[in-house]
Amino acid sequence: MDTVTTQLHHEVSAAVAAEVAAAAESASPETDRFPETPVDVEELIAGLIAAHDLASIPGSSAIQVQLERTLRTAGLTRIQVQEGQPFDPDEQMVAAIEPAMTEEQDRCVAREIRSGWKRRDQVVRPAEVAVWTIS
């Protein structure tokens, strides 16, 4: 692992350890269960997605795999994007424009820039894509 990946791994591990320790301290001794605390699910999901983005640094694929597994457990799925598919404004957002070489490529996805996520049928974050267009 390179220095940046190692540092990211240590920071994520330390943050998770701190959360677990804090939760353990607040556990009810009578039941050994955690007290009911309001959880902002949207904020938690946004944080997990952001961590997944950060884990895309080369050499940190194990972290990215674990975060993706956690997101799936929370009911989220990655929006599937393939080069050449028609642009879908319901699940995708144009982040870049690239010149099309053929008419068939016009208004089709050239590449995915940033993963999109949805929960059931609701888009949590659209996939950011580059789209081919004919000038």
N, C-alpha and C. Protein backbone atom coordinates (compact mmCIF):
# COMPACT_ATOMS: atom_id res chain seq x y z
N MET A 1 0.85 -1.19 0.00
CA MET A 1 0.00 0.00 0.00
C MET A 1 0.88 1.24 0.00
N ASP A 2 0.45 2.25 -0.75
CA ASP A 2 1.21 3.49 -0.74
C ASP A 2 0.84 4.31 0.49
N THR A 3 1.52 5.41 0.69
CA THR A 3 1.35 6.23 1.89
C THR A 3 -0.07 6.77 2.02
N VAL A 4 -0.65 7.26 0.91
CA VAL A 4 -1.99 7.84 0.97
C VAL A 4 -3.01 6.76 1.32
N THR A 5 -2.90 5.60 0.71
CA THR A 5 -3.83 4.51 0.99
C THR A 5 -3.70 4.05 2.43
N THR A 6 -2.48 3.92 2.90
CA THR A 6 -2.24 3.50 4.28
C THR A 6 -2.85 4.51 5.25
N GLN A 7 -2.65 5.79 4.97
CA GLN A 7 -3.20 6.84 5.84
C GLN A 7 -4.73 6.78 5.82
N LEU A 8 -5.33 6.61 4.63
CA LEU A 8 -6.78 6.52 4.53
C LEU A 8 -7.29 5.32 5.32
N HIS A 9 -6.61 4.19 5.19
CA HIS A 9 -7.00 2.98 5.91
C HIS A 9 -6.96 3.22 7.42
N HIS A 10 -5.89 3.85 7.91
CA HIS A 10 -5.77 4.13 9.35
C HIS A 10 -6.85 5.10 9.82
N GLU A 11 -7.14 6.14 9.01
CA GLU A 11 -8.16 7.12 9.39
C GLU A 11 -9.54 6.47 9.46
N VAL A 12 -9.87 5.64 8.45
CA VAL A 12 -11.17 4.97 8.45
C VAL A 12 -11.25 4.00 9.63
N SER A 13 -10.19 3.23 9.87
CA SER A 13 -10.18 2.28 10.98
C SER A 13 -10.33 3.00 12.32
N ALA A 14 -9.64 4.11 12.48
CA ALA A 14 -9.72 4.87 13.73
C ALA A 14 -11.12 5.44 13.93
N ALA A 15 -11.72 5.94 12.86
CA ALA A 15 -13.06 6.51 12.96
C ALA A 15 -14.08 5.43 13.34
N VAL A 16 -13.98 4.27 12.72
CA VAL A 16 -14.89 3.18 13.03
C VAL A 16 -14.69 2.72 14.47
N ALA A 17 -13.44 2.58 14.89
CA ALA A 17 -13.14 2.15 16.26
C ALA A 17 -13.71 3.15 17.27
N ALA A 18 -13.60 4.43 16.98
CA ALA A 18 -14.12 5.46 17.89
C ALA A 18 -15.64 5.37 17.99
N GLU A 19 -16.31 5.13 16.87
CA GLU A 19 -17.77 5.00 16.88
C GLU A 19 -18.21 3.78 17.68
N VAL A 20 -17.53 2.67 17.48
CA VAL A 20 -17.86 1.45 18.22
C VAL A 20 -17.64 1.65 19.71
N ALA A 21 -16.52 2.28 20.08
CA ALA A 21 -16.21 2.52 21.49
C ALA A 21 -17.26 3.43 22.12
N ALA A 22 -17.65 4.47 21.42
CA ALA A 22 -18.66 5.39 21.95
C ALA A 22 -20.00 4.68 22.13
N ALA A 23 -20.36 3.84 21.16
CA ALA A 23 -21.62 3.10 21.27
C ALA A 23 -21.56 2.10 22.42
N ALA A 24 -20.42 1.46 22.59
CA ALA A 24 -20.27 0.47 23.66
C ALA A 24 -20.38 1.13 25.03
N GLU A 25 -19.82 2.34 25.16
CA GLU A 25 -19.90 3.05 26.44
C GLU A 25 -21.33 3.43 26.79
N SER A 26 -22.15 3.65 25.76
CA SER A 26 -23.53 4.06 26.02
C SER A 26 -24.49 2.88 26.08
N ALA A 27 -23.97 1.66 25.97
CA ALA A 27 -24.82 0.47 26.04
C ALA A 27 -25.45 0.36 27.42
N SER A 28 -26.67 -0.08 27.45
CA SER A 28 -27.38 -0.26 28.71
C SER A 28 -26.87 -1.51 29.42
N PRO A 29 -26.37 -1.39 30.66
CA PRO A 29 -25.84 -2.56 31.36
C PRO A 29 -26.91 -3.62 31.63
N GLU A 30 -28.19 -3.19 31.78
CA GLU A 30 -29.24 -4.16 32.08
C GLU A 30 -29.48 -5.11 30.91
N THR A 31 -29.41 -4.61 29.71
CA THR A 31 -29.78 -5.43 28.55
C THR A 31 -28.63 -5.67 27.60
N ASP A 32 -27.50 -5.03 27.82
CA ASP A 32 -26.37 -5.10 26.89
C ASP A 32 -26.79 -4.71 25.47
N ARG A 33 -27.76 -3.84 25.40
CA ARG A 33 -28.20 -3.35 24.10
C ARG A 33 -27.91 -1.86 24.03
N PHE A 34 -27.81 -1.38 22.82
CA PHE A 34 -27.58 0.03 22.63
C PHE A 34 -28.88 0.79 22.78
N PRO A 35 -28.82 1.98 23.40
CA PRO A 35 -30.04 2.75 23.55
C PRO A 35 -30.54 3.22 22.18
N GLU A 36 -31.85 3.42 22.10
CA GLU A 36 -32.41 3.92 20.85
C GLU A 36 -31.94 5.36 20.65
N THR A 37 -31.28 5.59 19.56
CA THR A 37 -30.83 6.94 19.24
C THR A 37 -31.30 7.26 17.85
N PRO A 38 -31.75 8.49 17.65
CA PRO A 38 -32.20 8.85 16.31
C PRO A 38 -31.00 8.85 15.35
N VAL A 39 -31.18 8.18 14.24
CA VAL A 39 -30.13 8.09 13.24
C VAL A 39 -30.62 8.80 11.99
N ASP A 40 -29.83 9.73 11.50
CA ASP A 40 -30.16 10.39 10.24
C ASP A 40 -29.67 9.47 9.13
N VAL A 41 -30.58 8.65 8.63
CA VAL A 41 -30.23 7.64 7.64
C VAL A 41 -29.67 8.28 6.37
N GLU A 42 -30.26 9.37 5.94
CA GLU A 42 -29.79 10.03 4.72
C GLU A 42 -28.34 10.51 4.89
N GLU A 43 -28.03 11.04 6.07
CA GLU A 43 -26.66 11.50 6.34
C GLU A 43 -25.70 10.31 6.39
N LEU A 44 -26.14 9.22 7.00
CA LEU A 44 -25.32 8.02 7.06
C LEU A 44 -25.04 7.47 5.67
N ILE A 45 -26.07 7.41 4.83
CA ILE A 45 -25.91 6.91 3.47
C ILE A 45 -24.97 7.82 2.68
N ALA A 46 -25.15 9.12 2.80
CA ALA A 46 -24.28 10.07 2.08
C ALA A 46 -22.82 9.89 2.52
N GLY A 47 -22.61 9.67 3.81
CA GLY A 47 -21.25 9.45 4.32
C GLY A 47 -20.64 8.16 3.79
N LEU A 48 -21.43 7.10 3.74
CA LEU A 48 -20.93 5.83 3.21
C LEU A 48 -20.59 5.94 1.72
N ILE A 49 -21.43 6.64 0.97
CA ILE A 49 -21.16 6.83 -0.46
C ILE A 49 -19.89 7.65 -0.64
N ALA A 50 -19.72 8.70 0.15
CA ALA A 50 -18.51 9.52 0.06
C ALA A 50 -17.27 8.70 0.41
N ALA A 51 -17.38 7.85 1.44
CA ALA A 51 -16.25 6.99 1.80
C ALA A 51 -15.94 6.02 0.67
N HIS A 52 -16.98 5.50 0.01
CA HIS A 52 -16.79 4.61 -1.14
C HIS A 52 -16.02 5.33 -2.24
N ASP A 53 -16.39 6.60 -2.49
CA ASP A 53 -15.67 7.39 -3.51
C ASP A 53 -14.20 7.53 -3.14
N LEU A 54 -13.92 7.84 -1.87
CA LEU A 54 -12.53 7.99 -1.43
C LEU A 54 -11.76 6.69 -1.53
N ALA A 55 -12.46 5.59 -1.34
CA ALA A 55 -11.80 4.27 -1.37
C ALA A 55 -11.45 3.84 -2.79
N SER A 56 -11.79 4.64 -3.78
CA SER A 56 -11.45 4.28 -5.16
C SER A 56 -10.00 4.58 -5.48
N ILE A 57 -9.25 5.08 -4.50
CA ILE A 57 -7.81 5.31 -4.66
C ILE A 57 -7.15 3.97 -4.95
N PRO A 58 -6.26 3.91 -5.94
CA PRO A 58 -5.60 2.64 -6.23
C PRO A 58 -4.96 2.03 -4.98
N GLY A 59 -5.17 0.73 -4.82
CA GLY A 59 -4.60 0.03 -3.68
C GLY A 59 -5.55 -0.11 -2.51
N SER A 60 -6.72 0.49 -2.60
CA SER A 60 -7.66 0.41 -1.48
C SER A 60 -8.94 -0.33 -1.89
N SER A 61 -8.82 -1.27 -2.80
CA SER A 61 -10.00 -1.96 -3.31
C SER A 61 -10.72 -2.76 -2.23
N ALA A 62 -10.00 -3.28 -1.25
CA ALA A 62 -10.65 -4.04 -0.17
C ALA A 62 -11.59 -3.14 0.62
N ILE A 63 -11.19 -1.90 0.85
CA ILE A 63 -12.04 -0.95 1.56
C ILE A 63 -13.27 -0.65 0.72
N GLN A 64 -13.07 -0.44 -0.57
CA GLN A 64 -14.18 -0.13 -1.46
C GLN A 64 -15.18 -1.30 -1.52
N VAL A 65 -14.68 -2.52 -1.58
CA VAL A 65 -15.54 -3.70 -1.61
C VAL A 65 -16.37 -3.78 -0.34
N GLN A 66 -15.73 -3.56 0.82
CA GLN A 66 -16.45 -3.62 2.08
C GLN A 66 -17.51 -2.52 2.17
N LEU A 67 -17.18 -1.32 1.72
CA LEU A 67 -18.16 -0.23 1.76
C LEU A 67 -19.32 -0.52 0.82
N GLU A 68 -19.04 -1.08 -0.34
CA GLU A 68 -20.12 -1.41 -1.28
C GLU A 68 -21.02 -2.49 -0.67
N ARG A 69 -20.44 -3.45 0.02
CA ARG A 69 -21.22 -4.49 0.69
C ARG A 69 -22.12 -3.85 1.76
N THR A 70 -21.58 -2.89 2.50
CA THR A 70 -22.35 -2.20 3.54
C THR A 70 -23.50 -1.41 2.92
N LEU A 71 -23.24 -0.74 1.81
CA LEU A 71 -24.29 0.01 1.13
C LEU A 71 -25.40 -0.93 0.63
N ARG A 72 -25.02 -2.07 0.08
CA ARG A 72 -26.02 -3.04 -0.37
C ARG A 72 -26.86 -3.54 0.81
N THR A 73 -26.21 -3.76 1.94
CA THR A 73 -26.92 -4.20 3.14
C THR A 73 -27.94 -3.15 3.56
N ALA A 74 -27.63 -1.88 3.34
CA ALA A 74 -28.54 -0.78 3.68
C ALA A 74 -29.61 -0.58 2.62
N GLY A 75 -29.64 -1.45 1.60
CA GLY A 75 -30.68 -1.38 0.58
C GLY A 75 -30.33 -0.53 -0.63
N LEU A 76 -29.07 -0.12 -0.74
CA LEU A 76 -28.67 0.68 -1.89
C LEU A 76 -28.05 -0.19 -2.97
N THR A 77 -28.26 0.20 -4.20
CA THR A 77 -27.61 -0.48 -5.32
C THR A 77 -26.94 0.56 -6.20
N ARG A 78 -25.86 0.14 -6.80
CA ARG A 78 -25.13 1.02 -7.70
C ARG A 78 -25.89 1.12 -9.02
N ILE A 79 -26.03 2.31 -9.54
CA ILE A 79 -26.68 2.50 -10.84
C ILE A 79 -25.73 1.96 -11.91
N GLN A 80 -26.26 1.05 -12.73
CA GLN A 80 -25.44 0.43 -13.77
C GLN A 80 -25.31 1.39 -14.97
N VAL A 81 -24.07 1.67 -15.32
CA VAL A 81 -23.78 2.54 -16.45
C VAL A 81 -22.84 1.80 -17.39
N GLN A 82 -23.19 1.80 -18.67
CA GLN A 82 -22.33 1.16 -19.66
C GLN A 82 -22.07 2.12 -20.81
N GLU A 83 -20.85 2.08 -21.28
CA GLU A 83 -20.49 2.90 -22.44
C GLU A 83 -21.41 2.55 -23.60
N GLY A 84 -21.92 3.58 -24.25
CA GLY A 84 -22.76 3.39 -25.42
C GLY A 84 -24.25 3.34 -25.14
N GLN A 85 -24.64 3.21 -23.87
CA GLN A 85 -26.07 3.19 -23.58
C GLN A 85 -26.64 4.60 -23.71
N PRO A 86 -27.90 4.73 -24.09
CA PRO A 86 -28.50 6.07 -24.18
C PRO A 86 -28.46 6.78 -22.83
N PHE A 87 -28.23 8.08 -22.86
CA PHE A 87 -28.23 8.88 -21.63
C PHE A 87 -29.62 8.83 -21.01
N ASP A 88 -29.67 8.58 -19.69
CA ASP A 88 -30.93 8.49 -18.95
C ASP A 88 -30.96 9.60 -17.90
N PRO A 89 -31.71 10.68 -18.17
CA PRO A 89 -31.73 11.81 -17.22
C PRO A 89 -32.35 11.47 -15.87
N ASP A 90 -33.07 10.35 -15.78
CA ASP A 90 -33.67 9.96 -14.50
C ASP A 90 -32.64 9.37 -13.55
N GLU A 91 -31.55 8.79 -14.09
CA GLU A 91 -30.54 8.15 -13.25
C GLU A 91 -29.14 8.71 -13.46
N GLN A 92 -28.97 9.59 -14.44
CA GLN A 92 -27.63 10.08 -14.77
C GLN A 92 -27.63 11.61 -14.84
N MET A 93 -26.45 12.16 -14.62
CA MET A 93 -26.25 13.60 -14.72
C MET A 93 -25.04 13.83 -15.63
N VAL A 94 -25.16 14.75 -16.59
CA VAL A 94 -24.05 15.03 -17.50
C VAL A 94 -22.99 15.82 -16.74
N ALA A 95 -21.78 15.26 -16.69
CA ALA A 95 -20.67 15.93 -16.03
C ALA A 95 -19.63 16.38 -17.05
N ALA A 96 -19.70 15.83 -18.26
CA ALA A 96 -18.76 16.21 -19.32
C ALA A 96 -19.38 15.86 -20.68
N ILE A 97 -18.92 16.59 -21.68
CA ILE A 97 -19.37 16.36 -23.06
C ILE A 97 -18.15 15.95 -23.87
N GLU A 98 -18.33 14.93 -24.72
CA GLU A 98 -17.24 14.50 -25.59
C GLU A 98 -17.79 14.42 -27.01
N PRO A 99 -16.96 14.72 -28.01
CA PRO A 99 -17.45 14.69 -29.39
C PRO A 99 -17.77 13.26 -29.84
N ALA A 100 -18.93 13.11 -30.47
CA ALA A 100 -19.34 11.81 -31.01
C ALA A 100 -18.69 11.60 -32.37
N MET A 101 -18.31 10.37 -32.65
CA MET A 101 -17.71 10.04 -33.94
C MET A 101 -18.76 9.59 -34.95
N THR A 102 -19.91 9.10 -34.43
CA THR A 102 -20.99 8.64 -35.31
C THR A 102 -22.31 9.17 -34.77
N GLU A 103 -23.34 9.11 -35.62
CA GLU A 103 -24.67 9.54 -35.18
C GLU A 103 -25.23 8.61 -34.11
N GLU A 104 -24.86 7.33 -34.16
CA GLU A 104 -25.35 6.37 -33.17
C GLU A 104 -24.85 6.72 -31.76
N GLN A 105 -23.70 7.35 -31.68
CA GLN A 105 -23.14 7.73 -30.38
C GLN A 105 -23.80 8.97 -29.80
N ASP A 106 -24.45 9.77 -30.64
CA ASP A 106 -25.04 11.03 -30.18
C ASP A 106 -25.98 10.79 -29.00
N ARG A 107 -25.74 11.53 -27.92
CA ARG A 107 -26.54 11.47 -26.68
C ARG A 107 -26.45 10.12 -25.97
N CYS A 108 -25.32 9.45 -26.15
CA CYS A 108 -25.06 8.20 -25.44
C CYS A 108 -23.92 8.40 -24.46
N VAL A 109 -23.84 7.52 -23.47
CA VAL A 109 -22.82 7.60 -22.43
C VAL A 109 -21.46 7.22 -23.01
N ALA A 110 -20.49 8.11 -22.83
CA ALA A 110 -19.12 7.84 -23.25
C ALA A 110 -18.36 7.10 -22.15
N ARG A 111 -18.60 7.52 -20.89
CA ARG A 111 -17.93 6.86 -19.75
C ARG A 111 -18.57 7.36 -18.46
N GLU A 112 -18.40 6.55 -17.42
CA GLU A 112 -18.87 6.93 -16.09
C GLU A 112 -17.76 7.70 -15.39
N ILE A 113 -18.12 8.81 -14.78
CA ILE A 113 -17.14 9.62 -14.05
C ILE A 113 -17.25 9.35 -12.55
N ARG A 114 -18.47 9.24 -12.05
CA ARG A 114 -18.70 9.00 -10.63
C ARG A 114 -19.93 8.11 -10.48
N SER A 115 -19.83 7.11 -9.64
CA SER A 115 -20.92 6.15 -9.44
C SER A 115 -22.19 6.83 -8.94
N GLY A 116 -23.30 6.31 -9.40
CA GLY A 116 -24.60 6.74 -8.90
C GLY A 116 -25.19 5.63 -8.04
N TRP A 117 -26.11 6.00 -7.16
CA TRP A 117 -26.71 5.04 -6.23
C TRP A 117 -28.21 5.27 -6.15
N LYS A 118 -28.94 4.17 -5.97
CA LYS A 118 -30.38 4.30 -5.74
C LYS A 118 -30.80 3.33 -4.65
N ARG A 119 -31.89 3.69 -4.03
CA ARG A 119 -32.49 2.87 -2.98
C ARG A 119 -33.89 2.51 -3.46
N ARG A 120 -34.08 1.23 -3.71
CA ARG A 120 -35.27 0.74 -4.38
C ARG A 120 -35.36 1.45 -5.73
N ASP A 121 -36.41 2.21 -5.97
CA ASP A 121 -36.53 2.91 -7.26
C ASP A 121 -36.19 4.39 -7.15
N GLN A 122 -35.74 4.83 -5.99
CA GLN A 122 -35.44 6.24 -5.77
C GLN A 122 -33.95 6.50 -5.91
N VAL A 123 -33.59 7.44 -6.77
CA VAL A 123 -32.18 7.79 -6.97
C VAL A 123 -31.71 8.61 -5.77
N VAL A 124 -30.64 8.12 -5.13
CA VAL A 124 -30.04 8.82 -4.00
C VAL A 124 -29.01 9.81 -4.52
N ARG A 125 -28.23 9.35 -5.50
CA ARG A 125 -27.26 10.22 -6.18
C ARG A 125 -27.16 9.74 -7.62
N PRO A 126 -27.40 10.63 -8.59
CA PRO A 126 -27.30 10.20 -9.98
C PRO A 126 -25.85 9.89 -10.37
N ALA A 127 -25.71 8.98 -11.32
CA ALA A 127 -24.38 8.69 -11.85
C ALA A 127 -23.92 9.88 -12.67
N GLU A 128 -22.69 10.30 -12.47
CA GLU A 128 -22.13 11.40 -13.27
C GLU A 128 -21.43 10.77 -14.46
N VAL A 129 -21.82 11.21 -15.66
CA VAL A 129 -21.31 10.59 -16.88
C VAL A 129 -20.84 11.64 -17.88
N ALA A 130 -19.97 11.17 -18.78
CA ALA A 130 -19.60 11.96 -19.95
C ALA A 130 -20.50 11.46 -21.07
N VAL A 131 -21.04 12.39 -21.85
CA VAL A 131 -21.97 12.05 -22.92
C VAL A 131 -21.39 12.51 -24.26
N TRP A 132 -21.54 11.62 -25.25
CA TRP A 132 -21.13 11.99 -26.61
C TRP A 132 -22.20 12.85 -27.25
N THR A 133 -21.78 13.88 -27.97
CA THR A 133 -22.72 14.70 -28.73
C THR A 133 -22.09 15.05 -30.08
N ILE A 134 -22.95 15.22 -31.06
CA ILE A 134 -22.47 15.66 -32.38
C ILE A 134 -22.54 17.17 -32.37
N SER A 135 -21.45 17.80 -32.71
CA SER A 135 -21.39 19.27 -32.68
C SER A 135 -22.13 19.88 -33.84
